[in-house]
Amino acid sequence: MERIVEQTLLYDFYGELLTEHQKQVFGDHVLNDMTATEIAKEHGITRQAAYDMIKRCNHILTNYEDSLHLVRKFLITKEKVQEIYELSRRTMEVKSYEVIHENMKKIEKVSSTILEEL
């Protein structure tokens, strides 16, 4: 996964667990694509402090993900929902009962897997 996408997902899922200052600094970095120098000017801190805060927040959020796996579960579920969507679209385009029945069985199986994982 691309680093910025990963950081954004980590921030989306666990950002509220950071302090207000950490949220502002890390949010500026991942959501506003600001550099450590820009963040330092914006928040009245040194560039090194901004860089350290970004690195620390990334470490904190990664540790949350390593423990809770919410981002991983989200991405897996998203992939399975995409599969259901594709199967349902294909099912609507066919006229053969056998193909429809087979696709519905696949949809049921994928749906069941999602429900078990929730």
C-alpha atoms as a PDB file:
ATOM      1  CA  MET A   1       0.000   0.000   0.000  1.00  0.00           C
ATOM      2  CA  GLU A   2       1.268   3.463  -0.814  1.00  0.00           C
ATOM      3  CA  ARG A   3       2.744   5.151   2.270  1.00  0.00           C
ATOM      4  CA  ILE A   4       0.516   8.245   2.210  1.00  0.00           C
ATOM      5  CA  VAL A   5      -2.627   6.121   1.790  1.00  0.00           C
ATOM      6  CA  GLU A   6      -1.525   3.940   4.697  1.00  0.00           C
ATOM      7  CA  GLN A   7      -0.869   6.989   6.894  1.00  0.00           C
ATOM      8  CA  THR A   8      -4.238   8.478   5.962  1.00  0.00           C
ATOM      9  CA  LEU A   9      -6.064   5.264   6.847  1.00  0.00           C
ATOM     10  CA  LEU A  10      -4.189   5.010  10.142  1.00  0.00           C
ATOM     11  CA  TYR A  11      -5.114   8.610  10.917  1.00  0.00           C
ATOM     12  CA  ASP A  12      -8.763   8.016   9.956  1.00  0.00           C
ATOM     13  CA  PHE A  13      -9.064   4.961  12.187  1.00  0.00           C
ATOM     14  CA  TYR A  14      -6.904   5.909  15.167  1.00  0.00           C
ATOM     15  CA  GLY A  15      -6.337   9.670  14.952  1.00  0.00           C
ATOM     16  CA  GLU A  16      -8.762  10.411  17.769  1.00  0.00           C
ATOM     17  CA  LEU A  17      -6.460   8.507  20.107  1.00  0.00           C
ATOM     18  CA  LEU A  18      -3.710  11.082  19.604  1.00  0.00           C
ATOM     19  CA  THR A  19      -3.406  14.252  21.669  1.00  0.00           C
ATOM     20  CA  GLU A  20      -4.872  17.404  20.141  1.00  0.00           C
ATOM     21  CA  HIS A  21      -1.410  18.699  19.222  1.00  0.00           C
ATOM     22  CA  GLN A  22      -0.428  15.357  17.691  1.00  0.00           C
ATOM     23  CA  LYS A  23      -3.673  15.298  15.675  1.00  0.00           C
ATOM     24  CA  GLN A  24      -3.008  18.790  14.328  1.00  0.00           C
ATOM     25  CA  VAL A  25       0.597  18.105  13.341  1.00  0.00           C
ATOM     26  CA  PHE A  26       0.047  14.630  11.901  1.00  0.00           C
ATOM     27  CA  GLY A  27      -3.201  15.728  10.249  1.00  0.00           C
ATOM     28  CA  ASP A  28      -1.412  18.597   8.530  1.00  0.00           C
ATOM     29  CA  HIS A  29       1.209  16.158   7.306  1.00  0.00           C
ATOM     30  CA  VAL A  30      -1.108  13.454   5.920  1.00  0.00           C
ATOM     31  CA  LEU A  31      -4.279  15.358   5.063  1.00  0.00           C
ATOM     32  CA  ASN A  32      -2.804  18.678   3.933  1.00  0.00           C
ATOM     33  CA  ASP A  33       0.433  17.224   2.521  1.00  0.00           C
ATOM     34  CA  MET A  34       2.540  19.682   4.517  1.00  0.00           C
ATOM     35  CA  THR A  35       6.267  19.230   5.041  1.00  0.00           C
ATOM     36  CA  ALA A  36       7.936  19.343   8.450  1.00  0.00           C
ATOM     37  CA  THR A  37       9.171  22.850   7.627  1.00  0.00           C
ATOM     38  CA  GLU A  38       5.663  24.062   6.762  1.00  0.00           C
ATOM     39  CA  ILE A  39       4.219  22.435   9.875  1.00  0.00           C
ATOM     40  CA  ALA A  40       6.940  24.025  12.026  1.00  0.00           C
ATOM     41  CA  LYS A  41       6.042  27.503  10.733  1.00  0.00           C
ATOM     42  CA  GLU A  42       2.311  26.852  11.137  1.00  0.00           C
ATOM     43  CA  HIS A  43       2.566  25.583  14.717  1.00  0.00           C
ATOM     44  CA  GLY A  44       5.479  27.668  15.979  1.00  0.00           C
ATOM     45  CA  ILE A  45       7.809  24.734  16.575  1.00  0.00           C
ATOM     46  CA  THR A  46      11.168  23.731  15.147  1.00  0.00           C
ATOM     47  CA  ARG A  47      11.402  21.703  11.973  1.00  0.00           C
ATOM     48  CA  GLN A  48      13.056  18.928  13.976  1.00  0.00           C
ATOM     49  CA  ALA A  49      10.183  18.924  16.498  1.00  0.00           C
ATOM     50  CA  ALA A  50       7.678  18.685  13.652  1.00  0.00           C
ATOM     51  CA  TYR A  51       9.625  15.849  12.031  1.00  0.00           C
ATOM     52  CA  ASP A  52       9.903  14.014  15.374  1.00  0.00           C
ATOM     53  CA  MET A  53       6.170  14.455  16.030  1.00  0.00           C
ATOM     54  CA  ILE A  54       5.276  13.049  12.593  1.00  0.00           C
ATOM     55  CA  LYS A  55       7.564  10.082  13.146  1.00  0.00           C
ATOM     56  CA  ARG A  56       6.236   9.488  16.684  1.00  0.00           C
ATOM     57  CA  CYS A  57       2.600   9.704  15.573  1.00  0.00           C
ATOM     58  CA  ASN A  58       3.233   7.291  12.730  1.00  0.00           C
ATOM     59  CA  HIS A  59       4.810   4.882  15.214  1.00  0.00           C
ATOM     60  CA  ILE A  60       1.904   5.257  17.669  1.00  0.00           C
ATOM     61  CA  LEU A  61      -0.735   4.699  14.979  1.00  0.00           C
ATOM     62  CA  THR A  62       1.149   1.745  13.518  1.00  0.00           C
ATOM     63  CA  ASN A  63       1.276   0.158  16.976  1.00  0.00           C
ATOM     64  CA  TYR A  64      -2.504   0.580  17.312  1.00  0.00           C
ATOM     65  CA  GLU A  65      -2.964  -1.137  13.957  1.00  0.00           C
ATOM     66  CA  ASP A  66      -0.574  -3.933  14.927  1.00  0.00           C
ATOM     67  CA  SER A  67      -2.733  -4.577  18.001  1.00  0.00           C
ATOM     68  CA  LEU A  68      -6.248  -3.964  16.678  1.00  0.00           C
ATOM     69  CA  HIS A  69      -6.014  -4.662  12.910  1.00  0.00           C
ATOM     70  CA  LEU A  70      -8.935  -2.349  12.102  1.00  0.00           C
ATOM     71  CA  VAL A  71      -7.431  -1.026   8.868  1.00  0.00           C
ATOM     72  CA  ARG A  72      -6.572  -4.542   7.680  1.00  0.00           C
ATOM     73  CA  LYS A  73     -10.099  -5.763   8.462  1.00  0.00           C
ATOM     74  CA  PHE A  74     -11.577  -2.743   6.708  1.00  0.00           C
ATOM     75  CA  LEU A  75      -9.530  -3.354   3.557  1.00  0.00           C
ATOM     76  CA  ILE A  76     -10.419  -7.058   3.496  1.00  0.00           C
ATOM     77  CA  THR A  77     -14.113  -6.273   3.934  1.00  0.00           C
ATOM     78  CA  LYS A  78     -13.932  -3.603   1.227  1.00  0.00           C
ATOM     79  CA  GLU A  79     -12.397  -6.130  -1.152  1.00  0.00           C
ATOM     80  CA  LYS A  80     -15.143  -8.667  -0.416  1.00  0.00           C
ATOM     81  CA  VAL A  81     -17.903  -6.089  -0.877  1.00  0.00           C
ATOM     82  CA  GLN A  82     -16.335  -5.226  -4.245  1.00  0.00           C
ATOM     83  CA  GLU A  83     -16.469  -8.927  -5.131  1.00  0.00           C
ATOM     84  CA  ILE A  84     -20.158  -9.085  -4.183  1.00  0.00           C
ATOM     85  CA  TYR A  85     -20.818  -6.000  -6.274  1.00  0.00           C
ATOM     86  CA  GLU A  86     -19.094  -7.489  -9.322  1.00  0.00           C
ATOM     87  CA  LEU A  87     -20.929 -10.800  -8.928  1.00  0.00           C
ATOM     88  CA  SER A  88     -24.286  -9.069  -8.623  1.00  0.00           C
ATOM     89  CA  ARG A  89     -23.596  -6.929 -11.723  1.00  0.00           C
ATOM     90  CA  ARG A  90     -22.649 -10.017 -13.730  1.00  0.00           C
ATOM     91  CA  THR A  91     -25.695 -11.889 -12.437  1.00  0.00           C
ATOM     92  CA  MET A  92     -28.013  -9.148 -13.640  1.00  0.00           C
ATOM     93  CA  GLU A  93     -26.579  -9.440 -17.158  1.00  0.00           C
ATOM     94  CA  VAL A  94     -27.117 -13.177 -17.661  1.00  0.00           C
ATOM     95  CA  LYS A  95     -30.259 -15.081 -18.532  1.00  0.00           C
ATOM     96  CA  SER A  96     -29.128 -18.574 -17.633  1.00  0.00           C
ATOM     97  CA  TYR A  97     -30.660 -19.888 -14.423  1.00  0.00           C
ATOM     98  CA  GLU A  98     -27.584 -22.013 -13.741  1.00  0.00           C
ATOM     99  CA  VAL A  99     -25.226 -19.009 -13.951  1.00  0.00           C
ATOM    100  CA  ILE A 100     -27.540 -16.913 -11.797  1.00  0.00           C
ATOM    101  CA  HIS A 101     -27.770 -19.689  -9.235  1.00  0.00           C
ATOM    102  CA  GLU A 102     -23.984 -20.172  -9.184  1.00  0.00           C
ATOM    103  CA  ASN A 103     -23.345 -16.437  -8.776  1.00  0.00           C
ATOM    104  CA  MET A 104     -25.896 -16.241  -5.971  1.00  0.00           C
ATOM    105  CA  LYS A 105     -24.119 -19.090  -4.187  1.00  0.00           C
ATOM    106  CA  LYS A 106     -20.841 -17.171  -4.508  1.00  0.00           C
ATOM    107  CA  ILE A 107     -22.476 -13.986  -3.188  1.00  0.00           C
ATOM    108  CA  GLU A 108     -23.891 -15.940  -0.248  1.00  0.00           C
ATOM    109  CA  LYS A 109     -20.467 -17.414   0.523  1.00  0.00           C
ATOM    110  CA  VAL A 110     -18.654 -14.059   0.414  1.00  0.00           C
ATOM    111  CA  SER A 111     -21.410 -12.408   2.476  1.00  0.00           C
ATOM    112  CA  SER A 112     -21.226 -15.166   5.033  1.00  0.00           C
ATOM    113  CA  THR A 113     -17.449 -14.712   5.330  1.00  0.00           C
ATOM    114  CA  ILE A 114     -17.893 -10.981   5.959  1.00  0.00           C
ATOM    115  CA  LEU A 115     -20.512 -11.600   8.623  1.00  0.00           C
ATOM    116  CA  GLU A 116     -18.316 -14.161  10.385  1.00  0.00           C
ATOM    117  CA  GLU A 117     -15.404 -11.736  10.482  1.00  0.00           C
ATOM    118  CA  LEU A 118     -17.477  -8.903  11.944  1.00  0.00           C
END
